[in-house]
Amino acid sequence: MNNLLITMSGGTTTVINATLVGVIKSVKASKSIDRLYAGVPGLLGVFDDSLIDLTDLSVSQLERLRYTPSSGFIGATRLKYLDDYDFKRLETIFDKYQIKYFLNIGGNGTIKQTMSISAYFKGSVKVASLPKTVDNDLGDKEFEKVFFTPGYPSCINYWIHKVNMLNQENLGAHSHDRVLIGQTFGRKTGFITAAARMADIDRNLPLILLLPENQRPIAEVLAEIDRKVTSNKRAVVIMSEGYHIDDVGEIRDYSGQVMYGSSKSTAVQLLVNACLEKGIQSRGFNPTVDQRSEMIFTLEHDLTYAESLGKLAVDNLEQGNSEFLASIGSTADYEILETIIPYSEIKDFSRIMPDHWLEPNSFDVSDGYIAYARKVLADFTRINLGQQYFHKFLLSDEILIK
């Protein structure tokens, strides 16, 4: 038997299960891969011998799974760096289930984790990675090998909606709430905050963007908010969770990353407090996991690319390739293409907003970012999944094979 194991790690997206569907469909059609197992949840499930067999999901189940957001189906984990004991446990499980292929879906930390697994098995198991993060902070700094990560286009669409919502709220309530402040994901990167500009490409709104790549002293931030309020009687501020206002009381996960949603305070609350101290009535909006799990704003082409990458990874494993990241790349003129990136070309795939996407001397992004985001959004096709699939998501407890 030659079986494939797949796991998910880290945060999730609304299209992560579309990638899983691409993998399942390809395994079902494969002549060299017999069964597909998933760790539930993730590698932690593998360590605990908690695996489910996904090979025989029906066409209707796969259709439902494609539109199932987040990682509730097979689960995801955040783990410490793997040690010799962990590798030995993996080897035991791999032998038991005759695993010859391994795929891990995740971000930059997950790729490093997968590389360490590949190094341990030294070719006896073919290993590859699949990308996933709404933060878009995984990839090369030139945006050629990784043009965007699956989930980011839909997150842009999410924030287009939320900025419009916040603007309407601010228009109606600015007599008593001068400033509305929204907080996005993004530990030290502003890709999601930048997406707010796509709701106001002509720059007509009193919109302020606070990106970690353009960190300013709190006094300058408050001065900019005051200027907007003075000239417009109101302001809408969108900020990254990692924008430094003051000490949030950081809590870290097992891998050492800050969990801003679990820390003692938030950037948005600290900025609201600072505004209130200056006599500027403000209110905060922090959607946390909603921005990566709300299916209603998912874009069809985001789902399509996510599913296609799952197929691409399996096809390459079958062809004998190993140690690669399946990716959505691009040419210099933003023509999107699917590709694989050898691990040997991945040194550090943690990226931030490039300088030319930041508007000089402003709390804003440049037209260069807008041009990029337009390509990411593609045809901007929205799908109203709220009505079509609500309460119809596929749950793992419907699969009886363990």
Protein backbone atom coordinates (compact mmCIF):
# COMPACT_ATOMS: atom_id res chain seq x y z
CA MET A 1 0.00 0.00 0.00
CA ASN A 2 1.11 3.54 -0.81
CA ASN A 3 -0.97 5.94 1.25
CA LEU A 4 -0.99 9.72 1.64
CA LEU A 5 -1.34 11.60 4.92
CA ILE A 6 -2.52 15.21 5.07
CA THR A 7 -2.56 17.61 8.03
CA MET A 8 -3.43 21.25 8.67
CA SER A 9 -1.48 23.65 10.89
CA GLY A 10 -1.93 27.15 12.26
CA GLY A 11 -4.69 29.60 11.46
CA THR A 12 -7.33 28.88 8.86
CA THR A 13 -9.15 30.41 5.88
CA THR A 14 -12.53 30.06 4.20
CA VAL A 15 -10.94 28.17 1.29
CA ILE A 16 -8.67 25.73 3.14
CA ASN A 17 -11.10 22.86 2.63
CA ALA A 18 -11.19 23.57 -1.10
CA THR A 19 -7.47 22.68 -1.08
CA LEU A 20 -8.33 19.52 0.82
CA VAL A 21 -10.99 18.71 -1.80
CA GLY A 22 -8.39 19.10 -4.56
CA VAL A 23 -6.19 16.59 -2.75
CA ILE A 24 -9.04 14.12 -2.19
CA LYS A 25 -10.20 14.25 -5.81
CA SER A 26 -6.68 13.66 -7.08
CA VAL A 27 -6.12 10.72 -4.74
CA LYS A 28 -9.42 9.18 -5.81
CA ALA A 29 -8.27 9.40 -9.44
CA SER A 30 -4.73 8.20 -8.69
CA LYS A 31 -3.33 4.88 -9.83
CA SER A 32 -0.34 5.02 -7.47
CA ILE A 33 -1.85 6.33 -4.21
CA ASP A 34 -4.22 3.92 -2.47
CA ARG A 35 -5.72 5.71 0.53
CA LEU A 36 -5.83 9.23 1.93
CA TYR A 37 -5.69 9.76 5.68
CA ALA A 38 -5.96 12.98 7.69
CA GLY A 39 -4.66 13.69 11.18
CA VAL A 40 -7.48 14.95 13.44
CA PRO A 41 -6.49 17.50 14.54
CA GLY A 42 -3.34 18.01 12.49
CA LEU A 43 -0.06 16.50 13.60
CA LEU A 44 -1.32 16.30 17.17
CA GLY A 45 -3.94 13.85 15.91
CA VAL A 46 -1.23 11.90 14.11
CA PHE A 47 0.79 11.61 17.32
CA ASP A 48 -2.35 10.33 19.09
CA ASP A 49 -3.15 7.84 16.30
CA SER A 50 -6.32 9.79 15.54
CA LEU A 51 -6.68 9.49 11.76
CA ILE A 52 -9.69 9.39 9.47
CA ASP A 53 -9.87 7.92 5.98
CA LEU A 54 -11.10 10.47 3.42
CA THR A 55 -10.67 8.36 0.30
CA ASP A 56 -14.30 7.37 -0.17
CA LEU A 57 -16.07 10.69 0.33
CA SER A 58 -18.92 10.98 -2.17
CA VAL A 59 -19.32 13.63 -4.85
CA SER A 60 -21.99 15.39 -2.79
CA GLN A 61 -19.83 15.31 0.35
CA LEU A 62 -16.91 16.81 -1.57
CA GLU A 63 -19.14 19.57 -2.90
CA ARG A 64 -20.24 20.42 0.62
CA LEU A 65 -16.68 20.22 1.92
CA ARG A 66 -15.46 22.63 -0.78
CA TYR A 67 -17.76 25.29 0.65
CA THR A 68 -17.06 24.48 4.28
CA PRO A 69 -14.99 27.27 5.87
CA SER A 70 -12.31 27.05 8.55
CA SER A 71 -10.60 23.91 9.83
CA GLY A 72 -13.44 22.28 11.74
CA PHE A 73 -13.55 19.27 9.43
CA ILE A 74 -10.14 17.71 10.16
CA GLY A 75 -8.78 20.34 12.55
CA ALA A 76 -5.52 22.27 12.77
CA THR A 77 -2.87 22.56 15.46
CA ARG A 78 -0.07 24.82 16.64
CA LEU A 79 2.89 22.83 17.93
CA LYS A 80 6.32 23.42 19.38
CA TYR A 81 9.31 22.63 17.21
CA LEU A 82 9.49 18.90 16.61
CA ASP A 83 12.23 16.91 18.40
CA ASP A 84 13.62 13.39 18.01
CA TYR A 85 10.86 11.92 20.15
CA ASP A 86 8.21 13.50 17.89
CA PHE A 87 9.91 12.21 14.75
CA LYS A 88 10.03 8.69 16.20
CA ARG A 89 6.30 8.82 16.94
CA LEU A 90 5.65 9.99 13.39
CA GLU A 91 7.72 7.14 12.04
CA THR A 92 5.65 4.65 14.02
CA ILE A 93 2.37 6.02 12.67
CA PHE A 94 3.70 6.29 9.13
CA ASP A 95 4.70 2.62 9.27
CA LYS A 96 1.35 1.57 10.72
CA TYR A 97 -0.68 3.30 8.01
CA GLN A 98 1.86 2.68 5.23
CA ILE A 99 2.30 6.40 4.58
CA LYS A 100 4.50 7.07 1.55
CA TYR A 101 3.34 10.63 0.89
CA PHE A 102 2.82 13.52 3.31
CA LEU A 103 1.20 16.93 2.74
CA ASN A 104 1.01 19.72 5.31
CA ILE A 105 -1.18 22.79 4.79
CA GLY A 106 -0.05 25.96 6.55
CA GLY A 107 2.01 29.12 6.66
CA ASN A 108 5.70 29.93 6.97
CA GLY A 109 6.16 28.13 10.28
CA THR A 110 4.39 25.08 8.89
CA ILE A 111 6.73 24.97 5.90
CA LYS A 112 9.73 24.93 8.25
CA GLN A 113 8.05 22.17 10.25
CA THR A 114 7.41 20.17 7.07
CA MET A 115 11.00 20.65 5.93
CA SER A 116 12.21 19.14 9.20
CA ILE A 117 9.93 16.12 8.68
CA SER A 118 11.24 15.71 5.14
CA ALA A 119 14.84 15.86 6.37
CA TYR A 120 14.13 13.15 8.94
CA PHE A 121 12.61 10.69 6.46
CA LYS A 122 15.34 11.33 3.88
CA GLY A 123 13.30 10.46 0.82
CA SER A 124 11.56 7.36 2.16
CA VAL A 125 8.41 9.49 2.35
CA LYS A 126 7.68 12.08 -0.32
CA VAL A 127 6.85 15.35 1.41
CA ALA A 128 5.35 18.66 0.21
CA SER A 129 3.61 21.78 1.51
CA LEU A 130 0.43 23.63 0.61
CA PRO A 131 0.01 27.35 1.40
CA LYS A 132 -2.68 28.89 3.54
CA THR A 133 -2.96 32.23 5.32
CA VAL A 134 -5.28 35.21 5.05
CA ASP A 135 -2.34 37.36 6.21
CA ASN A 136 -0.61 36.99 2.78
CA ASP A 137 2.73 37.16 4.62
CA LEU A 138 3.96 33.85 3.21
CA GLY A 139 6.13 34.10 0.10
CA ASP A 140 8.94 35.81 -1.70
CA LYS A 141 9.41 39.57 -1.49
CA GLU A 142 9.08 39.92 -5.28
CA PHE A 143 5.58 38.33 -5.31
CA GLU A 144 6.59 36.13 -8.22
CA LYS A 145 6.91 32.70 -6.63
CA VAL A 146 3.96 33.38 -4.33
CA PHE A 147 1.68 36.03 -5.81
CA PHE A 148 -0.89 35.63 -3.05
CA THR A 149 -1.89 32.95 -0.58
CA PRO A 150 -5.28 31.22 -0.80
CA GLY A 151 -7.77 32.94 1.48
CA TYR A 152 -6.31 36.44 1.04
CA PRO A 153 -8.56 37.45 -1.90
CA SER A 154 -11.67 36.59 0.11
CA CYS A 155 -10.28 38.43 3.15
CA ILE A 156 -9.88 41.54 0.98
CA ASN A 157 -13.51 41.15 -0.02
CA TYR A 158 -14.48 40.76 3.64
CA TRP A 159 -12.83 44.03 4.58
CA ILE A 160 -14.31 45.86 1.59
CA HIS A 161 -17.69 44.99 3.08
CA LYS A 162 -16.68 45.89 6.64
CA VAL A 163 -15.22 49.28 5.68
CA ASN A 164 -18.44 50.13 3.87
CA MET A 165 -20.39 49.00 6.94
CA LEU A 166 -18.19 51.03 9.30
CA ASN A 167 -18.45 54.07 7.05
CA GLN A 168 -22.26 53.92 7.10
CA GLU A 169 -22.23 53.54 10.86
CA ASN A 170 -19.81 56.45 11.20
CA LEU A 171 -21.87 58.66 8.90
CA GLY A 172 -24.97 58.12 10.99
CA ALA A 173 -23.45 58.17 14.46
CA HIS A 174 -20.51 60.58 14.21
CA SER A 175 -22.22 63.15 16.42
CA HIS A 176 -21.47 60.90 19.37
CA ASP A 177 -18.90 58.42 17.95
CA ARG A 178 -16.44 60.58 16.03
CA VAL A 179 -14.08 57.74 15.25
CA LEU A 180 -14.65 54.08 14.47
CA ILE A 181 -11.54 51.91 14.71
CA GLY A 182 -11.40 48.43 13.14
CA GLN A 183 -8.69 45.88 13.86
CA THR A 184 -7.50 43.33 11.29
CA PHE A 185 -5.30 40.28 11.54
CA GLY A 186 -1.62 40.75 10.81
CA ARG A 187 1.01 40.30 13.50
CA LYS A 188 3.71 42.46 11.95
CA THR A 189 2.31 42.90 8.45
CA GLY A 190 -0.31 45.19 6.95
CA PHE A 191 -1.62 43.17 4.01
CA ILE A 192 -5.13 42.87 5.44
CA THR A 193 -5.22 46.45 6.70
CA ALA A 194 -4.14 47.58 3.23
CA ALA A 195 -7.16 45.73 1.82
CA ALA A 196 -9.42 48.34 3.43
CA ARG A 197 -8.31 50.84 0.76
CA MET A 198 -10.07 48.69 -1.85
CA ALA A 199 -13.38 49.91 -0.41
CA ASP A 200 -12.39 53.47 -1.26
CA ILE A 201 -10.09 53.42 -4.28
CA ASP A 202 -10.88 57.07 -5.12
CA ARG A 203 -9.86 58.10 -1.58
CA ASN A 204 -13.07 59.95 -0.75
CA LEU A 205 -13.56 58.63 2.79
CA PRO A 206 -11.87 59.97 5.94
CA LEU A 207 -9.96 56.70 6.11
CA ILE A 208 -6.74 56.13 8.05
CA LEU A 209 -4.68 52.94 7.66
CA LEU A 210 -2.24 51.92 10.38
CA LEU A 211 0.22 49.37 9.00
CA PRO A 212 3.09 47.87 11.03
CA GLU A 213 5.44 48.53 8.09
CA ASN A 214 4.65 52.22 8.59
CA GLN A 215 4.81 52.31 12.38
CA ARG A 216 4.49 55.85 13.80
CA PRO A 217 4.61 57.25 17.33
CA ILE A 218 1.22 57.38 19.04
CA ALA A 219 1.37 61.18 19.09
CA GLU A 220 1.49 61.27 15.28
CA VAL A 221 -1.37 58.77 15.02
CA LEU A 222 -3.55 60.87 17.32
CA ALA A 223 -2.63 64.04 15.43
CA GLU A 224 -3.72 62.42 12.13
CA ILE A 225 -7.01 61.27 13.67
CA ASP A 226 -7.58 64.78 15.04
CA ARG A 227 -6.91 66.28 11.58
CA LYS A 228 -9.43 63.97 9.96
CA VAL A 229 -12.05 64.71 12.61
CA THR A 230 -11.45 68.45 12.32
CA SER A 231 -11.82 68.48 8.53
CA ASN A 232 -14.51 65.78 8.15
CA LYS A 233 -16.18 65.71 11.58
CA ARG A 234 -15.41 61.99 11.69
CA ALA A 235 -12.85 59.31 10.83
CA VAL A 236 -12.63 55.57 10.14
CA VAL A 237 -9.38 53.91 11.21
CA ILE A 238 -8.32 50.40 10.16
CA MET A 239 -5.30 48.98 11.96
CA SER A 240 -3.32 45.74 12.11
CA GLU A 241 -3.42 43.80 15.37
CA GLY A 242 0.37 44.11 15.50
CA TYR A 243 0.45 47.91 15.18
CA HIS A 244 2.13 49.11 18.36
CA ILE A 245 0.12 51.48 20.49
CA ASP A 246 1.22 50.23 23.90
CA ASP A 247 1.82 46.95 25.72
CA VAL A 248 -0.97 44.47 24.90
CA GLY A 249 0.26 41.92 27.44
CA GLU A 250 1.43 39.38 24.88
CA ILE A 251 0.51 35.71 25.13
CA ARG A 252 2.44 33.33 22.87
CA ASP A 253 1.59 29.96 21.35
CA TYR A 254 3.76 26.82 21.44
CA SER A 255 5.75 27.98 18.42
CA GLY A 256 6.54 31.33 20.03
CA GLN A 257 4.19 33.48 17.95
CA VAL A 258 2.15 36.19 19.65
CA MET A 259 -1.55 35.31 19.95
CA TYR A 260 -3.05 38.78 19.79
CA GLY A 261 -6.56 37.41 20.20
CA SER A 262 -5.55 35.84 23.52
CA SER A 263 -3.42 38.67 24.91
CA LYS A 264 -4.48 40.86 27.81
CA SER A 265 -5.51 43.77 25.63
CA THR A 266 -5.70 44.69 21.93
CA ALA A 267 -4.26 47.42 19.75
CA VAL A 268 -7.74 48.65 18.90
CA GLN A 269 -8.74 48.98 22.56
CA LEU A 270 -5.52 50.79 23.41
CA LEU A 271 -6.09 53.25 20.56
CA VAL A 272 -9.70 53.81 21.62
CA ASN A 273 -8.41 54.55 25.12
CA ALA A 274 -5.81 56.98 23.77
CA CYS A 275 -8.44 58.81 21.69
CA LEU A 276 -10.77 59.09 24.67
CA GLU A 277 -7.97 60.56 26.76
CA LYS A 278 -7.58 63.24 24.06
CA GLY A 279 -11.31 63.98 24.16
CA ILE A 280 -12.08 62.21 20.86
CA GLN A 281 -15.08 59.93 21.28
CA SER A 282 -14.20 56.59 19.66
CA ARG A 283 -15.50 53.07 19.36
CA GLY A 284 -13.66 49.85 18.46
CA PHE A 285 -14.55 46.98 16.12
CA ASN A 286 -12.56 43.74 16.36
CA PRO A 287 -13.93 40.80 14.32
CA THR A 288 -11.04 38.44 15.20
CA VAL A 289 -11.70 34.98 13.67
CA ASP A 290 -14.72 36.15 11.67
CA GLN A 291 -12.44 37.66 9.01
CA ARG A 292 -10.88 34.28 8.24
CA SER A 293 -13.99 32.11 8.71
CA GLU A 294 -16.98 34.03 7.33
CA MET A 295 -17.91 32.21 4.12
CA ILE A 296 -20.37 34.77 2.74
CA PHE A 297 -17.62 36.98 1.30
CA THR A 298 -15.57 34.18 -0.24
CA LEU A 299 -14.64 34.69 -3.90
CA GLU A 300 -15.16 31.89 -6.38
CA HIS A 301 -11.72 32.25 -7.96
CA ASP A 302 -10.16 31.98 -4.48
CA LEU A 303 -11.88 28.62 -4.04
CA THR A 304 -10.83 27.54 -7.54
CA TYR A 305 -7.14 28.33 -7.02
CA ALA A 306 -7.16 26.72 -3.56
CA GLU A 307 -8.62 23.50 -4.97
CA SER A 308 -6.27 23.53 -7.94
CA LEU A 309 -3.22 23.70 -5.66
CA GLY A 310 -4.35 20.53 -3.91
CA LYS A 311 -4.47 18.75 -7.26
CA LEU A 312 -1.11 20.23 -8.30
CA ALA A 313 0.58 18.92 -5.16
CA VAL A 314 -0.74 15.37 -5.55
CA ASP A 315 0.08 15.27 -9.26
CA ASN A 316 3.67 16.28 -8.56
CA LEU A 317 4.06 13.74 -5.77
CA GLU A 318 2.83 11.05 -8.14
CA GLN A 319 5.38 12.18 -10.71
CA GLY A 320 8.14 11.58 -8.20
CA ASN A 321 8.66 15.17 -7.08
CA SER A 322 9.14 15.90 -3.41
CA GLU A 323 10.21 18.69 -1.04
CA PHE A 324 8.26 21.55 -2.62
CA LEU A 325 5.59 24.16 -1.93
CA ALA A 326 2.63 24.25 -4.36
CA SER A 327 2.00 27.90 -5.13
CA ILE A 328 0.10 30.56 -7.04
CA GLY A 329 2.91 32.48 -8.73
CA SER A 330 2.96 35.30 -11.28
CA THR A 331 4.94 36.80 -14.09
CA ALA A 332 6.44 40.30 -13.91
CA ASP A 333 3.24 41.75 -15.41
CA TYR A 334 1.00 39.96 -12.86
CA GLU A 335 -0.07 37.06 -15.06
CA ILE A 336 -1.07 34.40 -12.54
CA LEU A 337 0.28 30.86 -12.87
CA GLU A 338 0.43 27.72 -10.77
CA THR A 339 3.85 26.39 -9.90
CA ILE A 340 5.89 24.42 -7.38
CA ILE A 341 8.79 25.90 -5.44
CA PRO A 342 11.57 23.51 -4.34
CA TYR A 343 12.43 23.70 -0.65
CA SER A 344 15.99 24.52 -1.73
CA GLU A 345 14.68 27.89 -2.98
CA ILE A 346 12.87 28.67 0.27
CA LYS A 347 15.18 30.36 2.74
CA ASP A 348 12.86 32.79 4.46
CA PHE A 349 9.32 33.11 3.14
CA SER A 350 8.15 35.61 5.74
CA ARG A 351 7.35 38.83 3.89
CA ILE A 352 6.00 42.27 4.69
CA MET A 353 4.45 45.06 2.65
CA PRO A 354 7.14 46.45 0.31
CA ASP A 355 8.06 50.12 0.65
CA HIS A 356 6.65 51.04 -2.77
CA TRP A 357 3.19 49.94 -1.61
CA LEU A 358 3.25 52.50 1.21
CA GLU A 359 2.17 56.06 0.43
CA PRO A 360 5.02 58.40 1.48
CA ASN A 361 4.28 60.76 4.37
CA SER A 362 0.79 59.36 4.74
CA PHE A 363 -1.23 56.80 6.66
CA ASP A 364 -2.16 55.03 3.47
CA VAL A 365 -1.12 52.62 0.72
CA SER A 366 0.05 53.61 -2.75
CA ASP A 367 -1.56 53.10 -6.15
CA GLY A 368 0.96 50.27 -6.59
CA TYR A 369 -0.79 48.24 -3.90
CA ILE A 370 -4.18 49.01 -5.45
CA ALA A 371 -2.96 47.66 -8.80
CA TYR A 372 -1.75 44.49 -7.09
CA ALA A 373 -4.96 44.01 -5.12
CA ARG A 374 -7.06 44.43 -8.25
CA LYS A 375 -5.18 41.51 -9.81
CA VAL A 376 -5.66 39.45 -6.65
CA LEU A 377 -9.38 40.15 -6.69
CA ALA A 378 -9.59 39.10 -10.36
CA ASP A 379 -13.16 39.31 -11.62
CA PHE A 380 -14.42 40.13 -8.11
CA THR A 381 -17.10 37.47 -8.35
CA ARG A 382 -18.99 37.24 -5.08
CA ILE A 383 -20.91 34.14 -4.09
CA ASN A 384 -23.74 34.34 -1.62
CA LEU A 385 -22.92 31.25 0.35
CA GLY A 386 -24.85 32.40 3.39
CA GLN A 387 -28.13 31.29 1.82
CA GLN A 388 -26.82 28.34 -0.16
CA TYR A 389 -24.76 26.48 2.41
CA PHE A 390 -25.68 27.66 5.89
CA HIS A 391 -26.09 24.61 8.17
CA LYS A 392 -24.91 22.39 5.30
CA PHE A 393 -21.20 22.31 6.09
CA LEU A 394 -19.54 18.91 6.22
CA LEU A 395 -18.43 17.82 9.68
CA SER A 396 -15.87 15.14 10.39
CA ASP A 397 -18.18 13.24 12.74
CA GLU A 398 -20.21 12.28 9.67
CA ILE A 399 -17.25 10.17 8.52
CA LEU A 400 -17.41 6.92 10.42
CA ILE A 401 -14.05 5.45 9.40
CA LYS A 402 -11.26 6.12 11.89
